[in-house]
N, C-alpha and C. Protein backbone atom coordinates (compact mmCIF):
# COMPACT_ATOMS: atom_id res chain seq x y z
N MET A 1 28.66 -141.50 -2.19
CA MET A 1 30.10 -141.29 -2.53
C MET A 1 30.47 -142.30 -3.30
N PRO A 2 31.30 -141.81 -4.34
CA PRO A 2 31.82 -142.70 -5.34
C PRO A 2 32.65 -143.79 -4.65
N THR A 3 32.86 -144.93 -5.15
CA THR A 3 33.70 -146.29 -4.64
C THR A 3 34.87 -145.89 -4.35
N THR A 4 35.47 -145.18 -5.31
CA THR A 4 37.08 -144.88 -4.91
C THR A 4 37.42 -144.08 -3.51
N LEU A 5 36.32 -143.11 -3.48
CA LEU A 5 36.46 -142.38 -2.21
C LEU A 5 36.08 -143.00 -1.03
N GLN A 6 35.08 -143.87 -1.05
CA GLN A 6 34.63 -144.86 -0.11
C GLN A 6 35.98 -145.54 0.34
N ARG A 7 36.61 -146.16 -0.55
CA ARG A 7 37.83 -147.11 -0.30
C ARG A 7 38.79 -146.11 0.39
N VAL A 8 39.13 -145.02 -0.17
CA VAL A 8 40.20 -144.06 0.41
C VAL A 8 39.87 -143.67 1.78
N ALA A 9 38.48 -143.44 2.10
CA ALA A 9 38.09 -142.86 3.40
C ALA A 9 38.19 -144.14 4.31
N ARG A 10 37.89 -145.46 4.06
CA ARG A 10 38.19 -146.33 4.92
C ARG A 10 39.36 -146.79 5.09
N TRP A 11 40.39 -146.73 4.26
CA TRP A 11 41.74 -146.88 4.41
C TRP A 11 42.39 -145.96 5.46
N LEU A 12 42.11 -144.59 5.30
CA LEU A 12 42.51 -143.56 6.25
C LEU A 12 42.18 -143.71 7.68
N ARG A 13 40.74 -144.13 7.62
CA ARG A 13 40.16 -144.45 9.05
C ARG A 13 41.03 -145.50 9.78
N LYS A 14 41.37 -146.51 8.86
CA LYS A 14 42.23 -147.67 9.61
C LYS A 14 43.50 -147.27 9.78
N LYS A 15 44.20 -146.78 8.81
CA LYS A 15 45.65 -146.56 8.96
C LYS A 15 46.07 -145.40 9.75
N TYR A 16 45.26 -144.20 9.49
CA TYR A 16 45.46 -142.78 10.10
C TYR A 16 44.29 -142.36 10.94
N PRO A 17 43.76 -143.03 12.02
CA PRO A 17 42.53 -142.80 12.53
C PRO A 17 42.65 -141.37 13.29
N ALA A 18 41.47 -140.67 13.14
CA ALA A 18 41.39 -139.47 13.88
C ALA A 18 41.04 -139.62 15.27
N LYS A 19 40.97 -138.74 16.11
CA LYS A 19 40.65 -138.59 17.34
C LYS A 19 39.34 -138.55 17.51
N LYS A 20 38.65 -137.62 16.40
CA LYS A 20 37.33 -137.60 16.64
C LYS A 20 36.47 -138.08 15.32
N PRO A 21 35.04 -138.32 15.34
CA PRO A 21 34.69 -139.00 14.24
C PRO A 21 34.59 -137.89 12.95
N VAL A 22 34.79 -138.42 11.93
CA VAL A 22 34.98 -137.67 10.68
C VAL A 22 33.88 -138.34 9.62
N ARG A 23 33.16 -137.26 9.25
CA ARG A 23 32.16 -137.49 7.99
C ARG A 23 32.75 -137.02 6.63
N VAL A 24 32.69 -137.73 5.73
CA VAL A 24 33.12 -137.27 4.36
C VAL A 24 31.82 -137.18 3.42
N VAL A 25 31.85 -135.99 2.78
CA VAL A 25 30.67 -135.94 1.88
C VAL A 25 31.05 -135.33 0.49
N VAL A 26 30.39 -135.62 -0.55
CA VAL A 26 30.70 -135.04 -1.99
C VAL A 26 29.58 -134.06 -2.14
N VAL A 27 30.18 -132.78 -2.43
CA VAL A 27 29.10 -131.69 -2.93
C VAL A 27 29.44 -131.41 -4.35
N ALA A 28 28.42 -130.68 -4.86
CA ALA A 28 28.24 -130.45 -6.37
C ALA A 28 29.46 -129.43 -6.47
N SER A 29 29.37 -128.37 -5.76
CA SER A 29 30.32 -127.21 -5.94
C SER A 29 30.66 -126.48 -4.84
N GLN A 30 31.96 -126.08 -4.79
CA GLN A 30 32.48 -125.22 -3.71
C GLN A 30 33.57 -124.15 -4.53
N PRO A 31 32.83 -123.18 -4.92
CA PRO A 31 33.67 -122.26 -5.83
C PRO A 31 34.98 -122.07 -5.27
N GLY A 32 36.04 -122.37 -6.12
CA GLY A 32 37.43 -122.01 -5.77
C GLY A 32 38.17 -123.16 -4.95
N LEU A 33 37.34 -124.37 -4.37
CA LEU A 33 37.98 -125.35 -3.59
C LEU A 33 37.70 -126.69 -4.23
N HIS A 34 38.66 -127.37 -4.15
CA HIS A 34 38.37 -128.99 -4.18
C HIS A 34 38.08 -129.79 -3.01
N GLY A 35 38.30 -129.24 -1.93
CA GLY A 35 37.74 -129.68 -0.84
C GLY A 35 38.06 -128.78 0.48
N VAL A 36 37.39 -129.17 1.58
CA VAL A 36 37.51 -128.11 2.77
C VAL A 36 37.16 -129.08 3.98
N ILE A 37 37.86 -128.86 5.07
CA ILE A 37 37.59 -129.54 6.24
C ILE A 37 36.95 -128.46 7.33
N LEU A 38 35.74 -128.76 8.08
CA LEU A 38 35.29 -127.98 8.96
C LEU A 38 35.32 -128.94 10.34
N TRP A 39 35.72 -128.50 11.43
CA TRP A 39 35.77 -129.23 12.77
C TRP A 39 35.35 -128.30 13.74
N ASN A 40 34.95 -128.99 14.90
CA ASN A 40 34.58 -128.50 16.30
C ASN A 40 35.30 -129.36 17.13
N GLU A 41 34.98 -129.26 18.39
CA GLU A 41 35.63 -130.03 19.65
C GLU A 41 35.22 -131.50 19.39
N GLU A 42 34.04 -131.70 18.80
CA GLU A 42 33.38 -133.12 18.85
C GLU A 42 33.73 -134.00 17.45
N ARG A 43 33.69 -133.24 16.24
CA ARG A 43 33.62 -133.94 15.28
C ARG A 43 34.24 -133.11 13.84
N ALA A 44 34.47 -133.74 12.95
CA ALA A 44 35.07 -133.29 11.74
C ALA A 44 34.01 -133.48 10.47
N LEU A 45 34.07 -132.50 9.62
CA LEU A 45 33.04 -132.55 8.41
C LEU A 45 34.23 -132.32 7.23
N ILE A 46 34.54 -133.36 6.22
CA ILE A 46 35.25 -133.03 5.21
C ILE A 46 34.33 -133.20 3.96
N ARG A 47 34.15 -131.95 3.34
CA ARG A 47 33.47 -131.73 1.98
C ARG A 47 34.36 -131.74 0.74
N ILE A 48 34.08 -132.70 -0.06
CA ILE A 48 34.96 -132.90 -1.29
C ILE A 48 33.90 -132.49 -2.51
N THR A 49 34.66 -131.62 -3.36
CA THR A 49 33.98 -131.20 -4.45
C THR A 49 34.00 -132.20 -5.61
N ARG A 50 32.76 -132.44 -6.07
CA ARG A 50 32.57 -133.58 -7.17
C ARG A 50 33.47 -133.44 -8.39
N SER A 51 34.29 -134.28 -8.81
CA SER A 51 35.32 -134.20 -9.93
C SER A 51 35.57 -135.47 -10.33
N SER A 52 36.93 -135.78 -10.86
CA SER A 52 37.25 -137.18 -11.30
C SER A 52 37.72 -137.87 -9.98
N GLU A 53 37.35 -139.11 -9.98
CA GLU A 53 37.75 -139.86 -8.85
C GLU A 53 39.03 -139.86 -8.23
N GLN A 54 40.01 -139.74 -9.28
CA GLN A 54 41.46 -139.53 -8.59
C GLN A 54 41.69 -138.27 -8.02
N MET A 55 40.93 -137.07 -8.43
CA MET A 55 41.17 -135.91 -7.94
C MET A 55 40.53 -135.90 -6.47
N MET A 56 39.37 -136.55 -6.37
CA MET A 56 38.68 -136.45 -5.11
C MET A 56 39.40 -137.28 -4.25
N ALA A 57 40.00 -138.39 -4.47
CA ALA A 57 40.90 -139.25 -3.81
C ALA A 57 42.10 -138.40 -3.17
N GLU A 58 42.75 -137.62 -4.02
CA GLU A 58 43.87 -136.65 -3.71
C GLU A 58 43.50 -135.71 -2.74
N THR A 59 42.31 -135.18 -2.98
CA THR A 59 41.91 -133.99 -2.28
C THR A 59 41.32 -134.69 -0.78
N LEU A 60 40.80 -135.79 -0.69
CA LEU A 60 40.60 -136.33 0.63
C LEU A 60 42.00 -136.62 1.44
N LEU A 61 42.96 -137.15 0.72
CA LEU A 61 44.09 -137.28 1.45
C LEU A 61 44.84 -135.89 1.98
N GLU A 62 44.67 -134.86 1.32
CA GLU A 62 45.00 -133.71 1.66
C GLU A 62 44.32 -133.10 2.88
N GLU A 63 43.05 -133.24 2.84
CA GLU A 63 41.94 -132.75 3.96
C GLU A 63 42.30 -133.57 5.19
N TRP A 64 42.57 -134.89 5.02
CA TRP A 64 42.83 -135.77 6.15
C TRP A 64 44.00 -135.29 6.96
N ALA A 65 45.06 -134.88 5.85
CA ALA A 65 46.47 -134.36 6.51
C ALA A 65 46.12 -133.23 7.48
N HIS A 66 45.29 -132.32 6.86
CA HIS A 66 44.94 -131.07 7.70
C HIS A 66 44.45 -131.56 9.04
N LEU A 67 43.30 -132.42 9.04
CA LEU A 67 42.71 -132.99 10.24
C LEU A 67 43.78 -133.44 11.18
N LEU A 68 44.73 -134.51 10.65
CA LEU A 68 45.82 -134.97 11.52
C LEU A 68 46.87 -133.77 12.09
N ARG A 69 46.96 -132.65 11.20
CA ARG A 69 47.70 -131.70 11.57
C ARG A 69 47.09 -130.84 12.76
N ASN A 70 45.87 -130.79 12.73
CA ASN A 70 45.23 -129.95 13.55
C ASN A 70 45.13 -130.73 15.03
N GLU A 71 45.27 -132.08 14.97
CA GLU A 71 45.32 -132.73 16.24
C GLU A 71 46.55 -132.90 16.93
N CYS A 72 47.69 -132.48 16.06
CA CYS A 72 48.96 -132.49 16.75
C CYS A 72 49.14 -131.23 17.89
N PRO A 73 49.74 -131.59 19.00
CA PRO A 73 49.85 -130.68 20.14
C PRO A 73 50.67 -129.42 19.75
N LEU A 74 51.55 -129.47 18.76
CA LEU A 74 52.21 -128.23 18.36
C LEU A 74 51.47 -127.14 17.65
N PRO A 75 51.83 -126.04 18.11
CA PRO A 75 50.97 -124.82 17.55
C PRO A 75 50.97 -124.89 16.02
N CYS A 76 49.97 -124.35 15.32
CA CYS A 76 49.91 -124.21 13.89
C CYS A 76 49.59 -122.69 13.58
N ASP A 77 50.66 -122.14 13.10
CA ASP A 77 50.35 -120.65 12.62
C ASP A 77 50.04 -120.52 11.16
N ASP A 78 50.50 -121.65 10.38
CA ASP A 78 50.05 -121.55 8.88
C ASP A 78 49.41 -122.98 8.62
N ASP A 79 48.20 -122.80 7.86
CA ASP A 79 47.43 -123.99 7.37
C ASP A 79 48.50 -125.01 6.66
N HIS A 80 49.48 -124.58 5.91
CA HIS A 80 50.35 -125.38 5.18
C HIS A 80 51.84 -125.26 5.77
N ASP A 81 51.96 -125.52 6.97
CA ASP A 81 53.40 -125.46 7.44
C ASP A 81 54.24 -126.80 7.15
N ALA A 82 55.24 -126.78 7.70
CA ALA A 82 56.27 -127.95 7.43
C ALA A 82 55.55 -129.44 7.79
N LEU A 83 55.03 -129.32 9.16
CA LEU A 83 54.60 -130.54 9.45
C LEU A 83 53.21 -131.03 8.83
N PHE A 84 52.41 -130.29 8.26
CA PHE A 84 51.27 -130.62 7.58
C PHE A 84 51.78 -130.97 6.22
N TRP A 85 52.96 -130.61 5.77
CA TRP A 85 53.56 -131.22 4.40
C TRP A 85 54.22 -132.47 4.46
N ALA A 86 54.67 -132.68 5.83
CA ALA A 86 55.20 -134.01 6.40
C ALA A 86 54.06 -135.05 6.24
N ILE A 87 53.13 -134.79 6.95
CA ILE A 87 52.04 -135.58 7.03
C ILE A 87 51.37 -136.02 5.88
N LEU A 88 51.11 -135.01 4.96
CA LEU A 88 50.68 -135.39 3.66
C LEU A 88 51.39 -136.23 2.75
N ALA A 89 52.94 -135.99 3.00
CA ALA A 89 53.74 -136.83 2.08
C ALA A 89 53.72 -138.28 2.44
N LYS A 90 53.63 -138.39 4.06
CA LYS A 90 53.63 -139.90 4.43
C LYS A 90 52.36 -140.46 4.00
N ILE A 91 51.31 -139.84 4.09
CA ILE A 91 49.98 -140.41 3.90
C ILE A 91 49.90 -140.75 2.34
N THR A 92 50.28 -139.89 1.46
CA THR A 92 50.25 -140.00 0.14
C THR A 92 51.35 -141.06 -0.50
N LYS A 93 52.40 -141.12 0.09
CA LYS A 93 53.33 -142.08 -0.45
C LYS A 93 53.02 -143.51 -0.02
N GLU A 94 52.27 -143.58 1.15
CA GLU A 94 51.82 -145.03 1.54
C GLU A 94 50.64 -145.31 0.69
N TYR A 95 49.72 -144.36 0.51
CA TYR A 95 48.40 -144.53 -0.28
C TYR A 95 49.06 -145.26 -1.84
N ARG A 96 49.91 -144.44 -2.39
CA ARG A 96 50.32 -144.80 -3.66
C ARG A 96 51.25 -146.12 -3.80
N GLY A 97 51.69 -146.56 -2.59
CA GLY A 97 52.40 -147.80 -2.57
C GLY A 97 53.90 -147.53 -2.83
N GLU A 98 54.29 -146.33 -2.32
CA GLU A 98 55.59 -145.78 -2.91
C GLU A 98 56.60 -146.16 -1.62
């Protein structure tokens, strides 16, 4: 995993820990996707498509926001509902130091 992505993953695990173990991997190709998160009751897997380090870091932030949204007790009818966007905004602003 590229150094920047490792740093972002460590930062997310420290600042926004998930309830379950999360594995982050970089894959050569996922047609039509920059990233995807797969989870079950026990763990989560975030797959990031290899690209620029900045794009992979931003993608990891988004996939982590999906993970945190999924862990919320409020029902989720849409993958990109208002709560998801609020979580992503909070994480992204803090990551960027804004």
